[in-house]
Amino acid sequence: MFFPIALETIHVPIHIYLYITNRMHPIAAVVLSIILLANWAVLLFFGVLSDFCAEQRFPDAWEGLHYTRMALSGLLALLYVAYLGFASAALHRWRKTKRQDGYAGTVELRDRGEDVDRKGRPSKDTDVSAVA
C-alpha cells in the first residue's frame, strides 16, 4: 500500500505545477494516466488476491478496513480511466491542430519544393547550389 501512495505524493505536486505553469503536454497527461492507472489497478488486484489467499480469518474491523482500501483503490483506478479518456481526447485535439498548422509529427511541411531531410539540410539527391 505504501508504493501507490508514495507515487501519488510525488505525482500530484508535479502535475499541479505543470498545469498551473501551462506546461502540461497532452502526451505527458496520457503517460501519467497510464502509469497511475496501472499503479492503482495492480494494488486492487493484489489486495483482493491477498484477501482470498489469507490462511486465517481476520477480525471484522480489519476486514472492513481492507475492503474500504480496495474500494478506494477501485475508485481511484476508475478516476484514472476517466482521466485517460480526457487526456486521449486532448492528445487527439492537439495532433489534429498540429496537422492543420502544417506539421506532420515534428517535421514542418514546406511548400518551397525543396527536398530536405528531417534536420532541414538538403538531401543527398538535391543539388546544393540549386537550394541556396
N, C-alpha and C. Protein backbone atom coordinates (compact mmCIF):
# COMPACT_ATOMS: atom_id res chain seq x y z
N MET A 1 0.82 -1.20 0.00
CA MET A 1 0.00 0.00 0.00
C MET A 1 0.86 1.25 0.00
N PHE A 2 2.10 1.15 0.43
CA PHE A 2 2.95 2.33 0.53
C PHE A 2 3.34 2.88 -0.84
N PHE A 3 3.68 2.00 -1.77
CA PHE A 3 4.18 2.46 -3.06
C PHE A 3 3.17 3.32 -3.84
N PRO A 4 1.91 2.91 -3.98
CA PRO A 4 0.98 3.77 -4.72
C PRO A 4 0.77 5.14 -4.09
N ILE A 5 0.72 5.19 -2.77
CA ILE A 5 0.54 6.49 -2.11
C ILE A 5 1.80 7.34 -2.26
N ALA A 6 2.98 6.71 -2.16
CA ALA A 6 4.23 7.45 -2.36
C ALA A 6 4.32 7.99 -3.79
N LEU A 7 3.90 7.19 -4.76
CA LEU A 7 3.91 7.64 -6.14
C LEU A 7 2.94 8.80 -6.36
N GLU A 8 1.78 8.73 -5.74
CA GLU A 8 0.82 9.84 -5.84
C GLU A 8 1.37 11.10 -5.17
N THR A 9 2.07 10.92 -4.05
CA THR A 9 2.64 12.07 -3.34
C THR A 9 3.66 12.80 -4.21
N ILE A 10 4.40 12.07 -5.01
CA ILE A 10 5.35 12.68 -5.93
C ILE A 10 4.63 13.24 -7.16
N HIS A 11 3.66 12.50 -7.65
CA HIS A 11 2.98 12.87 -8.90
C HIS A 11 2.13 14.12 -8.79
N VAL A 12 1.34 14.23 -7.75
CA VAL A 12 0.37 15.32 -7.64
C VAL A 12 1.02 16.70 -7.64
N PRO A 13 2.06 16.98 -6.85
CA PRO A 13 2.67 18.32 -6.92
C PRO A 13 3.29 18.61 -8.29
N ILE A 14 3.92 17.62 -8.90
CA ILE A 14 4.49 17.83 -10.23
C ILE A 14 3.38 18.13 -11.24
N HIS A 15 2.32 17.38 -11.16
CA HIS A 15 1.20 17.56 -12.08
C HIS A 15 0.55 18.94 -11.90
N ILE A 16 0.36 19.35 -10.67
CA ILE A 16 -0.24 20.66 -10.40
C ILE A 16 0.68 21.78 -10.89
N TYR A 17 1.99 21.65 -10.67
CA TYR A 17 2.94 22.65 -11.15
C TYR A 17 2.90 22.75 -12.68
N LEU A 18 2.91 21.62 -13.36
CA LEU A 18 2.87 21.64 -14.83
C LEU A 18 1.57 22.26 -15.33
N TYR A 19 0.48 21.97 -14.67
CA TYR A 19 -0.81 22.51 -15.08
C TYR A 19 -0.89 24.02 -14.85
N ILE A 20 -0.43 24.48 -13.69
CA ILE A 20 -0.51 25.90 -13.37
C ILE A 20 0.40 26.73 -14.27
N THR A 21 1.59 26.21 -14.57
CA THR A 21 2.52 26.95 -15.43
C THR A 21 2.26 26.73 -16.91
N ASN A 22 1.18 26.05 -17.25
CA ASN A 22 0.76 25.81 -18.63
C ASN A 22 1.83 25.02 -19.40
N ARG A 23 2.47 24.09 -18.74
CA ARG A 23 3.46 23.23 -19.38
C ARG A 23 2.99 21.78 -19.48
N MET A 24 1.76 21.53 -19.11
CA MET A 24 1.24 20.17 -19.15
C MET A 24 0.91 19.79 -20.58
N HIS A 25 1.67 18.90 -21.13
CA HIS A 25 1.51 18.47 -22.51
C HIS A 25 0.54 17.29 -22.55
N PRO A 26 -0.27 17.16 -23.60
CA PRO A 26 -1.20 16.03 -23.65
C PRO A 26 -0.52 14.67 -23.62
N ILE A 27 0.67 14.56 -24.20
CA ILE A 27 1.38 13.29 -24.16
C ILE A 27 1.78 12.95 -22.73
N ALA A 28 2.22 13.94 -21.97
CA ALA A 28 2.57 13.71 -20.56
C ALA A 28 1.34 13.29 -19.77
N ALA A 29 0.20 13.89 -20.08
CA ALA A 29 -1.03 13.51 -19.37
C ALA A 29 -1.42 12.06 -19.67
N VAL A 30 -1.28 11.64 -20.92
CA VAL A 30 -1.60 10.25 -21.27
C VAL A 30 -0.65 9.29 -20.58
N VAL A 31 0.64 9.59 -20.61
CA VAL A 31 1.63 8.70 -19.99
C VAL A 31 1.40 8.61 -18.48
N LEU A 32 1.20 9.75 -17.83
CA LEU A 32 0.97 9.73 -16.38
C LEU A 32 -0.31 8.98 -16.03
N SER A 33 -1.35 9.16 -16.83
CA SER A 33 -2.60 8.46 -16.51
C SER A 33 -2.46 6.96 -16.70
N ILE A 34 -1.69 6.52 -17.70
CA ILE A 34 -1.48 5.08 -17.88
C ILE A 34 -0.68 4.50 -16.71
N ILE A 35 0.38 5.19 -16.33
CA ILE A 35 1.22 4.69 -15.23
C ILE A 35 0.43 4.63 -13.93
N LEU A 36 -0.32 5.67 -13.62
CA LEU A 36 -1.03 5.69 -12.35
C LEU A 36 -2.28 4.81 -12.37
N LEU A 37 -2.88 4.61 -13.53
CA LEU A 37 -3.97 3.63 -13.63
C LEU A 37 -3.43 2.24 -13.32
N ALA A 38 -2.29 1.91 -13.91
CA ALA A 38 -1.68 0.60 -13.63
C ALA A 38 -1.30 0.49 -12.16
N ASN A 39 -0.83 1.57 -11.59
CA ASN A 39 -0.45 1.60 -10.18
C ASN A 39 -1.62 1.18 -9.29
N TRP A 40 -2.76 1.80 -9.47
CA TRP A 40 -3.91 1.51 -8.61
C TRP A 40 -4.58 0.20 -8.99
N ALA A 41 -4.56 -0.17 -10.26
CA ALA A 41 -5.16 -1.45 -10.67
C ALA A 41 -4.37 -2.63 -10.10
N VAL A 42 -3.04 -2.51 -10.08
CA VAL A 42 -2.21 -3.57 -9.51
C VAL A 42 -2.45 -3.67 -8.01
N LEU A 43 -2.57 -2.53 -7.33
CA LEU A 43 -2.86 -2.56 -5.90
C LEU A 43 -4.21 -3.22 -5.64
N LEU A 44 -5.18 -2.90 -6.45
CA LEU A 44 -6.50 -3.51 -6.29
C LEU A 44 -6.43 -5.02 -6.50
N PHE A 45 -5.75 -5.44 -7.56
CA PHE A 45 -5.64 -6.86 -7.86
C PHE A 45 -4.96 -7.62 -6.73
N PHE A 46 -3.81 -7.13 -6.29
CA PHE A 46 -3.09 -7.85 -5.23
C PHE A 46 -3.79 -7.73 -3.88
N GLY A 47 -4.54 -6.68 -3.65
CA GLY A 47 -5.29 -6.58 -2.41
C GLY A 47 -6.39 -7.61 -2.34
N VAL A 48 -7.12 -7.76 -3.44
CA VAL A 48 -8.18 -8.78 -3.48
C VAL A 48 -7.56 -10.17 -3.39
N LEU A 49 -6.45 -10.37 -4.09
CA LEU A 49 -5.78 -11.66 -4.06
C LEU A 49 -5.27 -11.99 -2.66
N SER A 50 -4.73 -11.01 -1.96
CA SER A 50 -4.24 -11.27 -0.60
C SER A 50 -5.38 -11.61 0.36
N ASP A 51 -6.54 -11.04 0.13
CA ASP A 51 -7.68 -11.37 1.00
C ASP A 51 -8.17 -12.79 0.73
N PHE A 52 -8.22 -13.18 -0.53
CA PHE A 52 -8.68 -14.53 -0.84
C PHE A 52 -7.66 -15.60 -0.47
N CYS A 53 -6.40 -15.24 -0.40
CA CYS A 53 -5.34 -16.22 -0.10
C CYS A 53 -4.95 -16.23 1.37
N ALA A 54 -5.65 -15.50 2.20
CA ALA A 54 -5.30 -15.45 3.62
C ALA A 54 -5.55 -16.82 4.25
N GLU A 55 -4.62 -17.25 5.08
CA GLU A 55 -4.75 -18.57 5.71
C GLU A 55 -5.59 -18.54 6.98
N GLN A 56 -5.81 -17.36 7.51
CA GLN A 56 -6.62 -17.26 8.72
C GLN A 56 -7.65 -16.16 8.55
N ARG A 57 -8.68 -16.23 9.32
CA ARG A 57 -9.75 -15.23 9.27
C ARG A 57 -9.34 -14.03 10.10
N PHE A 58 -9.48 -12.85 9.52
CA PHE A 58 -9.14 -11.62 10.23
C PHE A 58 -10.36 -11.10 10.99
N PRO A 59 -10.15 -10.28 12.01
CA PRO A 59 -11.29 -9.67 12.72
C PRO A 59 -12.14 -8.82 11.76
N ASP A 60 -13.38 -8.62 12.15
CA ASP A 60 -14.30 -7.88 11.28
C ASP A 60 -13.85 -6.45 11.02
N ALA A 61 -13.24 -5.83 12.00
CA ALA A 61 -12.76 -4.46 11.81
C ALA A 61 -11.66 -4.43 10.75
N TRP A 62 -10.78 -5.42 10.79
CA TRP A 62 -9.70 -5.49 9.80
C TRP A 62 -10.27 -5.75 8.41
N GLU A 63 -11.26 -6.62 8.32
CA GLU A 63 -11.90 -6.90 7.03
C GLU A 63 -12.56 -5.63 6.48
N GLY A 64 -13.19 -4.86 7.35
CA GLY A 64 -13.81 -3.61 6.91
C GLY A 64 -12.79 -2.62 6.38
N LEU A 65 -11.66 -2.50 7.06
CA LEU A 65 -10.59 -1.62 6.59
C LEU A 65 -10.02 -2.11 5.26
N HIS A 66 -9.88 -3.42 5.15
CA HIS A 66 -9.32 -3.99 3.92
C HIS A 66 -10.25 -3.73 2.73
N TYR A 67 -11.54 -3.95 2.91
CA TYR A 67 -12.47 -3.73 1.81
C TYR A 67 -12.64 -2.25 1.49
N THR A 68 -12.50 -1.40 2.50
CA THR A 68 -12.53 0.04 2.24
C THR A 68 -11.34 0.46 1.41
N ARG A 69 -10.18 -0.09 1.72
CA ARG A 69 -8.98 0.20 0.93
C ARG A 69 -9.14 -0.27 -0.51
N MET A 70 -9.74 -1.45 -0.68
CA MET A 70 -9.94 -1.96 -2.04
C MET A 70 -10.96 -1.12 -2.80
N ALA A 71 -12.00 -0.66 -2.11
CA ALA A 71 -13.00 0.19 -2.76
C ALA A 71 -12.38 1.52 -3.20
N LEU A 72 -11.55 2.10 -2.34
CA LEU A 72 -10.89 3.35 -2.71
C LEU A 72 -9.89 3.15 -3.85
N SER A 73 -9.19 2.02 -3.85
CA SER A 73 -8.27 1.73 -4.95
C SER A 73 -9.04 1.57 -6.26
N GLY A 74 -10.18 0.90 -6.20
CA GLY A 74 -11.00 0.75 -7.40
C GLY A 74 -11.55 2.09 -7.87
N LEU A 75 -11.96 2.94 -6.93
CA LEU A 75 -12.45 4.27 -7.29
C LEU A 75 -11.36 5.10 -7.95
N LEU A 76 -10.15 5.06 -7.39
CA LEU A 76 -9.05 5.80 -8.00
C LEU A 76 -8.69 5.24 -9.37
N ALA A 77 -8.76 3.93 -9.54
CA ALA A 77 -8.50 3.35 -10.85
C ALA A 77 -9.55 3.82 -11.85
N LEU A 78 -10.80 3.89 -11.46
CA LEU A 78 -11.85 4.39 -12.36
C LEU A 78 -11.66 5.87 -12.68
N LEU A 79 -11.23 6.65 -11.69
CA LEU A 79 -10.94 8.06 -11.96
C LEU A 79 -9.79 8.22 -12.95
N TYR A 80 -8.79 7.35 -12.85
CA TYR A 80 -7.69 7.41 -13.82
C TYR A 80 -8.11 6.92 -15.20
N VAL A 81 -9.09 6.04 -15.27
CA VAL A 81 -9.65 5.66 -16.58
C VAL A 81 -10.32 6.88 -17.22
N ALA A 82 -11.08 7.63 -16.43
CA ALA A 82 -11.71 8.85 -16.95
C ALA A 82 -10.65 9.87 -17.35
N TYR A 83 -9.61 10.01 -16.53
CA TYR A 83 -8.51 10.93 -16.84
C TYR A 83 -7.80 10.51 -18.12
N LEU A 84 -7.63 9.22 -18.31
CA LEU A 84 -7.02 8.72 -19.54
C LEU A 84 -7.88 9.06 -20.74
N GLY A 85 -9.19 8.97 -20.59
CA GLY A 85 -10.09 9.36 -21.69
C GLY A 85 -9.97 10.83 -22.04
N PHE A 86 -9.96 11.69 -21.03
CA PHE A 86 -9.82 13.13 -21.29
C PHE A 86 -8.45 13.46 -21.86
N ALA A 87 -7.40 12.81 -21.36
CA ALA A 87 -6.05 13.06 -21.87
C ALA A 87 -5.93 12.59 -23.32
N SER A 88 -6.56 11.47 -23.64
CA SER A 88 -6.53 10.98 -25.02
C SER A 88 -7.28 11.92 -25.95
N ALA A 89 -8.39 12.46 -25.49
CA ALA A 89 -9.13 13.43 -26.30
C ALA A 89 -8.31 14.70 -26.51
N ALA A 90 -7.61 15.15 -25.48
CA ALA A 90 -6.75 16.33 -25.61
C ALA A 90 -5.59 16.05 -26.56
N LEU A 91 -5.03 14.85 -26.50
CA LEU A 91 -3.95 14.49 -27.40
C LEU A 91 -4.44 14.45 -28.85
N HIS A 92 -5.63 13.90 -29.05
CA HIS A 92 -6.21 13.86 -30.39
C HIS A 92 -6.43 15.27 -30.93
N ARG A 93 -6.96 16.14 -30.09
CA ARG A 93 -7.19 17.53 -30.50
C ARG A 93 -5.86 18.24 -30.81
N TRP A 94 -4.83 17.98 -30.00
CA TRP A 94 -3.52 18.60 -30.21
C TRP A 94 -2.91 18.13 -31.53
N ARG A 95 -3.00 16.83 -31.80
CA ARG A 95 -2.44 16.31 -33.05
C ARG A 95 -3.21 16.82 -34.26
N LYS A 96 -4.51 16.95 -34.13
CA LYS A 96 -5.33 17.48 -35.22
C LYS A 96 -4.96 18.93 -35.50
N THR A 97 -4.74 19.71 -34.46
CA THR A 97 -4.33 21.11 -34.61
C THR A 97 -2.95 21.20 -35.26
N LYS A 98 -2.04 20.33 -34.86
CA LYS A 98 -0.70 20.33 -35.45
C LYS A 98 -0.77 19.99 -36.94
N ARG A 99 -1.61 19.05 -37.31
CA ARG A 99 -1.75 18.69 -38.73
C ARG A 99 -2.32 19.85 -39.53
N GLN A 100 -3.27 20.56 -38.96
CA GLN A 100 -3.88 21.69 -39.66
C GLN A 100 -2.91 22.86 -39.77
N ASP A 101 -1.98 22.98 -38.83
CA ASP A 101 -0.99 24.05 -38.88
C ASP A 101 0.15 23.77 -39.84
N GLY A 102 0.18 22.59 -40.45
CA GLY A 102 1.22 22.26 -41.41
C GLY A 102 2.35 21.45 -40.85
N TYR A 103 2.11 20.72 -39.80
CA TYR A 103 3.14 19.89 -39.22
C TYR A 103 2.72 18.43 -39.35
N ALA A 104 3.69 17.59 -39.64
CA ALA A 104 3.46 16.14 -39.62
C ALA A 104 4.46 15.56 -38.64
N GLY A 105 4.02 15.28 -37.46
CA GLY A 105 4.95 14.82 -36.43
C GLY A 105 5.77 16.00 -35.96
N THR A 106 7.08 15.92 -36.10
CA THR A 106 7.95 17.02 -35.71
C THR A 106 8.57 17.71 -36.91
N VAL A 107 8.19 17.28 -38.11
CA VAL A 107 8.80 17.83 -39.32
C VAL A 107 7.84 18.83 -39.94
N GLU A 108 8.32 20.03 -40.18
CA GLU A 108 7.49 21.05 -40.80
C GLU A 108 7.35 20.76 -42.28
N LEU A 109 6.14 20.80 -42.78
CA LEU A 109 5.91 20.60 -44.21
C LEU A 109 6.20 21.89 -44.94
N ARG A 110 6.96 21.80 -45.98
CA ARG A 110 7.37 23.00 -46.70
C ARG A 110 6.78 23.00 -48.09
N ASP A 111 6.40 24.18 -48.54
CA ASP A 111 5.81 24.33 -49.86
C ASP A 111 6.80 24.85 -50.89
N ARG A 112 8.06 24.98 -50.54
CA ARG A 112 9.05 25.55 -51.44
C ARG A 112 9.54 24.55 -52.48
N GLY A 113 9.20 23.31 -52.36
CA GLY A 113 9.63 22.32 -53.32
C GLY A 113 11.03 21.79 -53.06
N GLU A 114 11.61 22.12 -51.92
CA GLU A 114 12.94 21.62 -51.59
C GLU A 114 12.85 20.19 -51.11
N ASP A 115 13.87 19.45 -51.38
CA ASP A 115 13.97 18.09 -50.89
C ASP A 115 14.95 18.11 -49.72
N VAL A 116 14.43 18.15 -48.49
CA VAL A 116 15.27 18.26 -47.31
C VAL A 116 15.02 17.08 -46.40
N ASP A 117 16.02 16.80 -45.55
CA ASP A 117 15.86 15.73 -44.58
C ASP A 117 15.20 16.29 -43.32
N ARG A 118 15.14 15.49 -42.25
CA ARG A 118 14.42 15.89 -41.04
C ARG A 118 15.05 17.09 -40.34
N LYS A 119 16.34 17.33 -40.53
CA LYS A 119 17.00 18.44 -39.86
C LYS A 119 17.03 19.69 -40.73
N GLY A 120 16.40 19.66 -41.88
CA GLY A 120 16.33 20.84 -42.73
C GLY A 120 17.49 20.97 -43.69
N ARG A 121 18.37 19.99 -43.73
CA ARG A 121 19.50 20.04 -44.66
C ARG A 121 19.07 19.47 -46.01
N PRO A 122 19.67 19.94 -47.09
CA PRO A 122 19.34 19.35 -48.40
C PRO A 122 19.69 17.86 -48.42
N SER A 123 18.82 17.07 -49.02
CA SER A 123 19.09 15.63 -49.06
C SER A 123 20.18 15.35 -50.08
N LYS A 124 20.66 14.12 -50.11
CA LYS A 124 21.78 13.76 -50.98
C LYS A 124 21.41 13.86 -52.45
N ASP A 125 20.14 13.72 -52.77
CA ASP A 125 19.72 13.77 -54.17
C ASP A 125 19.55 15.19 -54.68
N THR A 126 19.56 16.18 -53.82
CA THR A 126 19.32 17.56 -54.21
C THR A 126 20.62 18.24 -54.54
N ASP A 127 20.62 19.03 -55.58
CA ASP A 127 21.79 19.83 -55.94
C ASP A 127 21.90 20.97 -54.95
N VAL A 128 23.03 21.04 -54.23
CA VAL A 128 23.20 22.03 -53.17
C VAL A 128 23.20 23.45 -53.73
N SER A 129 23.71 23.66 -54.90
CA SER A 129 23.76 25.00 -55.47
C SER A 129 22.36 25.50 -55.84
N ALA A 130 21.45 24.58 -56.17
CA ALA A 130 20.09 24.98 -56.53
C ALA A 130 19.28 25.39 -55.32
N VAL A 131 19.61 24.87 -54.15
CA VAL A 131 18.87 25.17 -52.94
C VAL A 131 19.23 26.56 -52.42
N ALA A 132 20.48 26.92 -52.49
CA ALA A 132 20.95 28.20 -51.96
C ALA A 132 20.50 29.30 -52.84
